[in-house]
Each structure stands twice: as structure tokens, then as C-alpha cells.
């Protein structure tokens, strides 16, 4: 993670979106907003963020949402949640925690 620059308002929104993604109640627009906040902070690139989707063999937020909602087996859930979702949420949390430690 590179040095981040994020406003208080963006940080607050990132908190909300991180929790929404974790709980699987986000829509595609919220995932896109989440990604844009991460990119705008300077901490992460589009490729770094999307690498978590690719690792789970998903290539869009639509596909991620669909896979999360349709996962029936423990193995399917582990693949999606353990790779894509945990990775994406970890990026947001890393930014939140690093911003909080600077205050």
C-alpha cells in the first residue's frame, strides 16, 4: 500500500461501503464507488483491486455479486468469500486503519 491521501468524508463513506460489502448488501454502483475511493486515495491501483476478483475467477462486480448470492456449497463460498471478498474488504480496512493512525 502506497501513502494514501483521503478526506474525512471519503473515509467515512469508505467505512460504510466496507461494511456493506462485508455483509453482502452492496450493489454494483457501491462496489464501483468503493473502488474509486481506494484509487483516488493513491493507495491502490485498479489492477491491484481487481486482482482479488481475478484470483476467484470473477471479472466484474456483477459476477461477484451473482456468485455470492448463488454460492450453494461451502467450497463455493470459501472461494468467493475467502479470496475476493476478504481481499477487497482488507484493502478498505487497511486504508481506514492507516488513516486513523495518522490522527
N, C-alpha and C. Protein backbone atom coordinates (compact mmCIF):
# COMPACT_ATOMS: atom_id res chain seq x y z
N UNK A 1 0.85 -1.18 0.00
CA UNK A 1 0.00 0.00 0.00
C UNK A 1 0.89 1.23 0.00
N UNK A 2 0.63 2.12 -0.94
CA UNK A 2 1.35 3.38 -1.02
C UNK A 2 0.75 4.38 -0.04
N UNK A 3 1.43 5.47 0.16
CA UNK A 3 0.92 6.52 1.02
C UNK A 3 -0.42 7.02 0.50
N UNK A 4 -1.37 7.09 1.38
CA UNK A 4 -2.73 7.46 1.00
C UNK A 4 -3.05 8.89 1.41
N UNK A 5 -3.90 9.49 0.61
CA UNK A 5 -4.44 10.82 0.92
C UNK A 5 -5.95 10.71 0.75
N UNK A 6 -6.67 10.85 1.86
CA UNK A 6 -8.12 10.67 1.80
C UNK A 6 -8.79 11.67 2.72
N UNK A 7 -9.89 12.24 2.25
CA UNK A 7 -10.62 13.21 3.06
C UNK A 7 -11.40 12.49 4.15
N UNK A 8 -11.79 13.24 5.14
CA UNK A 8 -12.61 12.68 6.22
C UNK A 8 -13.93 12.16 5.67
N UNK A 9 -14.53 12.89 4.75
CA UNK A 9 -15.80 12.48 4.15
C UNK A 9 -15.63 11.17 3.37
N UNK A 10 -14.56 11.06 2.59
CA UNK A 10 -14.32 9.82 1.83
C UNK A 10 -14.03 8.66 2.78
N UNK A 11 -13.33 8.94 3.86
CA UNK A 11 -13.04 7.91 4.85
C UNK A 11 -14.31 7.40 5.51
N UNK A 12 -15.21 8.30 5.83
CA UNK A 12 -16.49 7.90 6.42
C UNK A 12 -17.30 7.06 5.43
N UNK A 13 -17.31 7.46 4.18
CA UNK A 13 -18.05 6.70 3.16
C UNK A 13 -17.40 5.33 2.96
N UNK A 14 -16.08 5.28 3.00
CA UNK A 14 -15.36 4.01 2.87
C UNK A 14 -15.73 3.06 3.99
N UNK A 15 -15.88 3.58 5.19
CA UNK A 15 -16.33 2.76 6.33
C UNK A 15 -17.68 2.13 6.04
N UNK A 16 -18.61 2.93 5.56
CA UNK A 16 -19.97 2.44 5.26
C UNK A 16 -19.92 1.39 4.16
N UNK A 17 -19.19 1.67 3.09
CA UNK A 17 -19.12 0.74 1.97
C UNK A 17 -18.41 -0.56 2.34
N UNK A 18 -17.37 -0.47 3.14
CA UNK A 18 -16.65 -1.67 3.58
C UNK A 18 -17.60 -2.60 4.32
N UNK A 19 -18.39 -2.05 5.20
CA UNK A 19 -19.34 -2.85 5.97
C UNK A 19 -20.43 -3.41 5.07
N UNK A 20 -20.88 -2.63 4.14
CA UNK A 20 -21.90 -3.07 3.19
C UNK A 20 -21.40 -4.24 2.33
N UNK A 21 -20.17 -4.14 1.87
CA UNK A 21 -19.58 -5.23 1.08
C UNK A 21 -19.42 -6.47 1.95
N UNK A 22 -18.93 -6.29 3.15
CA UNK A 22 -18.74 -7.42 4.05
C UNK A 22 -20.05 -8.16 4.29
N UNK A 23 -21.14 -7.42 4.44
CA UNK A 23 -22.45 -8.02 4.73
C UNK A 23 -23.18 -8.49 3.47
N UNK A 24 -22.59 -8.27 2.30
CA UNK A 24 -23.18 -8.67 1.02
C UNK A 24 -24.50 -7.96 0.74
N UNK A 25 -24.52 -6.67 1.01
CA UNK A 25 -25.71 -5.88 0.70
C UNK A 25 -25.39 -4.73 -0.26
N UNK A 26 -24.23 -4.77 -0.87
CA UNK A 26 -23.81 -3.73 -1.82
C UNK A 26 -24.28 -4.07 -3.22
N UNK A 27 -24.57 -3.02 -3.99
CA UNK A 27 -24.86 -3.21 -5.40
C UNK A 27 -23.61 -2.82 -6.22
N UNK A 28 -23.71 -2.97 -7.52
CA UNK A 28 -22.56 -2.70 -8.39
C UNK A 28 -22.08 -1.26 -8.26
N UNK A 29 -23.00 -0.32 -8.15
CA UNK A 29 -22.61 1.08 -8.01
C UNK A 29 -21.80 1.31 -6.74
N UNK A 30 -22.15 0.63 -5.67
CA UNK A 30 -21.40 0.79 -4.41
C UNK A 30 -20.01 0.16 -4.52
N UNK A 31 -19.91 -0.98 -5.19
CA UNK A 31 -18.59 -1.57 -5.42
C UNK A 31 -17.72 -0.61 -6.25
N UNK A 32 -18.31 -0.01 -7.27
CA UNK A 32 -17.57 0.93 -8.10
C UNK A 32 -17.15 2.17 -7.31
N UNK A 33 -18.03 2.66 -6.45
CA UNK A 33 -17.70 3.80 -5.59
C UNK A 33 -16.57 3.43 -4.63
N UNK A 34 -16.65 2.25 -4.06
CA UNK A 34 -15.61 1.74 -3.15
C UNK A 34 -14.26 1.71 -3.87
N UNK A 35 -14.25 1.14 -5.06
CA UNK A 35 -13.01 1.07 -5.84
C UNK A 35 -12.48 2.48 -6.13
N UNK A 36 -13.37 3.38 -6.51
CA UNK A 36 -12.94 4.74 -6.84
C UNK A 36 -12.33 5.45 -5.63
N UNK A 37 -12.88 5.25 -4.45
CA UNK A 37 -12.31 5.84 -3.24
C UNK A 37 -10.91 5.29 -3.01
N UNK A 38 -10.75 3.97 -3.16
CA UNK A 38 -9.43 3.36 -2.97
C UNK A 38 -8.42 3.92 -3.97
N UNK A 39 -8.83 4.05 -5.23
CA UNK A 39 -7.93 4.57 -6.26
C UNK A 39 -7.62 6.04 -6.02
N UNK A 40 -8.64 6.83 -5.72
CA UNK A 40 -8.45 8.27 -5.50
C UNK A 40 -7.55 8.56 -4.31
N UNK A 41 -7.49 7.64 -3.37
CA UNK A 41 -6.63 7.85 -2.20
C UNK A 41 -5.15 7.75 -2.57
N UNK A 42 -4.89 7.11 -3.70
CA UNK A 42 -3.49 6.91 -4.12
C UNK A 42 -2.86 5.67 -3.53
N UNK A 43 -3.60 4.96 -2.70
CA UNK A 43 -3.04 3.79 -2.02
C UNK A 43 -3.03 2.55 -2.90
N UNK A 44 -4.00 2.43 -3.80
CA UNK A 44 -4.14 1.22 -4.62
C UNK A 44 -4.46 1.59 -6.06
N UNK A 45 -4.13 0.67 -6.96
CA UNK A 45 -4.46 0.85 -8.37
C UNK A 45 -5.64 -0.04 -8.73
N UNK A 46 -6.22 0.24 -9.87
CA UNK A 46 -7.32 -0.58 -10.39
C UNK A 46 -6.89 -2.04 -10.49
N UNK A 47 -5.69 -2.28 -11.01
CA UNK A 47 -5.20 -3.66 -11.17
C UNK A 47 -5.03 -4.36 -9.84
N UNK A 48 -4.53 -3.66 -8.83
CA UNK A 48 -4.36 -4.27 -7.51
C UNK A 48 -5.71 -4.66 -6.91
N UNK A 49 -6.69 -3.83 -7.10
CA UNK A 49 -8.03 -4.10 -6.56
C UNK A 49 -8.66 -5.26 -7.31
N UNK A 50 -8.61 -5.23 -8.62
CA UNK A 50 -9.25 -6.27 -9.43
C UNK A 50 -8.52 -7.60 -9.38
N UNK A 51 -7.31 -7.61 -8.89
CA UNK A 51 -6.58 -8.87 -8.75
C UNK A 51 -7.33 -9.84 -7.84
N UNK A 52 -8.04 -9.33 -6.85
CA UNK A 52 -8.80 -10.20 -5.95
C UNK A 52 -9.97 -10.87 -6.66
N UNK A 53 -10.58 -10.16 -7.60
CA UNK A 53 -11.64 -10.78 -8.39
C UNK A 53 -11.07 -11.86 -9.30
N UNK A 54 -9.97 -11.54 -9.95
CA UNK A 54 -9.34 -12.49 -10.87
C UNK A 54 -8.92 -13.77 -10.16
N UNK A 55 -8.41 -13.64 -8.94
CA UNK A 55 -7.99 -14.83 -8.18
C UNK A 55 -9.16 -15.77 -7.92
N UNK A 56 -10.34 -15.22 -7.84
CA UNK A 56 -11.55 -16.03 -7.63
C UNK A 56 -12.23 -16.36 -8.96
N UNK A 57 -11.55 -16.07 -10.05
CA UNK A 57 -12.06 -16.31 -11.40
C UNK A 57 -13.36 -15.55 -11.66
N UNK A 58 -13.40 -14.35 -11.16
CA UNK A 58 -14.51 -13.43 -11.39
C UNK A 58 -13.92 -12.19 -12.05
N UNK A 59 -14.66 -11.58 -12.95
CA UNK A 59 -14.06 -10.49 -13.72
C UNK A 59 -14.88 -9.20 -13.71
N UNK A 60 -15.86 -9.15 -12.82
CA UNK A 60 -16.64 -7.92 -12.67
C UNK A 60 -17.34 -7.97 -11.31
N UNK A 61 -17.80 -6.80 -10.88
CA UNK A 61 -18.55 -6.77 -9.63
C UNK A 61 -19.91 -7.43 -9.79
N UNK A 62 -20.47 -7.35 -10.98
CA UNK A 62 -21.73 -8.07 -11.25
C UNK A 62 -21.53 -9.56 -11.02
N UNK A 63 -20.44 -10.10 -11.56
CA UNK A 63 -20.15 -11.53 -11.41
C UNK A 63 -19.92 -11.89 -9.95
N UNK A 64 -19.25 -11.02 -9.21
CA UNK A 64 -19.01 -11.26 -7.78
C UNK A 64 -20.33 -11.31 -7.01
N UNK A 65 -21.18 -10.34 -7.24
CA UNK A 65 -22.47 -10.30 -6.55
C UNK A 65 -23.28 -11.55 -6.88
N UNK A 66 -23.33 -11.90 -8.14
CA UNK A 66 -24.07 -13.09 -8.56
C UNK A 66 -23.49 -14.34 -7.91
N UNK A 67 -22.18 -14.47 -7.91
CA UNK A 67 -21.53 -15.65 -7.32
C UNK A 67 -21.79 -15.72 -5.82
N UNK A 68 -21.74 -14.59 -5.14
CA UNK A 68 -22.00 -14.58 -3.69
C UNK A 68 -23.43 -15.02 -3.39
N UNK A 69 -24.35 -14.56 -4.20
CA UNK A 69 -25.76 -14.87 -3.96
C UNK A 69 -26.14 -16.28 -4.39
N UNK A 70 -25.38 -16.87 -5.29
CA UNK A 70 -25.72 -18.20 -5.79
C UNK A 70 -24.85 -19.31 -5.21
N UNK A 71 -23.85 -18.98 -4.41
CA UNK A 71 -22.97 -20.00 -3.83
C UNK A 71 -23.79 -20.93 -2.94
N UNK A 72 -23.72 -22.20 -3.25
CA UNK A 72 -24.51 -23.20 -2.51
C UNK A 72 -23.65 -24.07 -1.60
N UNK A 73 -22.42 -24.35 -2.03
CA UNK A 73 -21.58 -25.26 -1.24
C UNK A 73 -20.58 -24.46 -0.41
N UNK A 74 -20.05 -25.09 0.59
CA UNK A 74 -19.01 -24.47 1.42
C UNK A 74 -17.80 -24.13 0.57
N UNK A 75 -17.46 -25.02 -0.33
CA UNK A 75 -16.32 -24.79 -1.21
C UNK A 75 -16.52 -23.55 -2.08
N UNK A 76 -17.71 -23.40 -2.64
CA UNK A 76 -18.01 -22.22 -3.45
C UNK A 76 -17.92 -20.95 -2.61
N UNK A 77 -18.49 -21.00 -1.43
CA UNK A 77 -18.47 -19.83 -0.54
C UNK A 77 -17.05 -19.47 -0.14
N UNK A 78 -16.24 -20.48 0.17
CA UNK A 78 -14.86 -20.23 0.58
C UNK A 78 -14.08 -19.59 -0.55
N UNK A 79 -14.29 -20.05 -1.76
CA UNK A 79 -13.58 -19.49 -2.91
C UNK A 79 -13.93 -18.02 -3.09
N UNK A 80 -15.18 -17.71 -3.04
CA UNK A 80 -15.64 -16.34 -3.27
C UNK A 80 -15.33 -15.44 -2.08
N UNK A 81 -15.78 -15.87 -0.91
CA UNK A 81 -15.60 -15.05 0.29
C UNK A 81 -14.14 -14.97 0.71
N UNK A 82 -13.46 -16.12 0.67
CA UNK A 82 -12.09 -16.20 1.17
C UNK A 82 -11.08 -15.53 0.29
N UNK A 83 -11.37 -15.40 -0.97
CA UNK A 83 -10.41 -14.78 -1.89
C UNK A 83 -10.85 -13.37 -2.26
N UNK A 84 -11.98 -13.28 -2.91
CA UNK A 84 -12.40 -11.98 -3.45
C UNK A 84 -12.88 -11.02 -2.37
N UNK A 85 -13.82 -11.44 -1.57
CA UNK A 85 -14.43 -10.53 -0.61
C UNK A 85 -13.45 -10.13 0.50
N UNK A 86 -12.77 -11.11 1.07
CA UNK A 86 -11.81 -10.80 2.13
C UNK A 86 -10.73 -9.87 1.60
N UNK A 87 -10.26 -10.12 0.38
CA UNK A 87 -9.24 -9.26 -0.21
C UNK A 87 -9.73 -7.83 -0.40
N UNK A 88 -10.91 -7.69 -0.96
CA UNK A 88 -11.46 -6.35 -1.18
C UNK A 88 -11.70 -5.61 0.13
N UNK A 89 -12.28 -6.29 1.08
CA UNK A 89 -12.55 -5.68 2.38
C UNK A 89 -11.23 -5.31 3.08
N UNK A 90 -10.23 -6.16 2.95
CA UNK A 90 -8.93 -5.88 3.57
C UNK A 90 -8.31 -4.60 3.04
N UNK A 91 -8.49 -4.33 1.75
CA UNK A 91 -7.95 -3.08 1.19
C UNK A 91 -8.59 -1.87 1.85
N UNK A 92 -9.90 -1.90 1.98
CA UNK A 92 -10.60 -0.80 2.63
C UNK A 92 -10.20 -0.64 4.08
N UNK A 93 -10.12 -1.76 4.77
CA UNK A 93 -9.73 -1.71 6.19
C UNK A 93 -8.30 -1.20 6.37
N UNK A 94 -7.42 -1.60 5.48
CA UNK A 94 -6.02 -1.13 5.55
C UNK A 94 -5.98 0.39 5.40
N UNK A 95 -6.75 0.92 4.48
CA UNK A 95 -6.80 2.36 4.28
C UNK A 95 -7.44 3.06 5.48
N UNK A 96 -8.51 2.51 6.00
CA UNK A 96 -9.18 3.07 7.17
C UNK A 96 -8.23 3.09 8.36
N UNK A 97 -7.58 1.97 8.62
CA UNK A 97 -6.69 1.87 9.77
C UNK A 97 -5.46 2.76 9.62
N UNK A 98 -4.90 2.83 8.43
CA UNK A 98 -3.72 3.67 8.25
C UNK A 98 -4.08 5.16 8.36
N UNK A 99 -5.26 5.51 7.92
CA UNK A 99 -5.70 6.91 8.04
C UNK A 99 -5.99 7.28 9.48
N UNK A 100 -6.54 6.34 10.23
CA UNK A 100 -6.83 6.57 11.63
C UNK A 100 -5.59 6.70 12.48
N UNK A 101 -4.52 6.02 12.09
CA UNK A 101 -3.28 6.06 12.88
C UNK A 101 -2.51 7.35 12.67
N UNK A 102 -2.87 8.13 11.66
CA UNK A 102 -2.17 9.39 11.38
C UNK A 102 -2.72 10.56 12.17
N UNK A 103 -3.85 10.33 12.83
CA UNK A 103 -4.50 11.43 13.55
C UNK A 103 -3.93 11.61 14.93
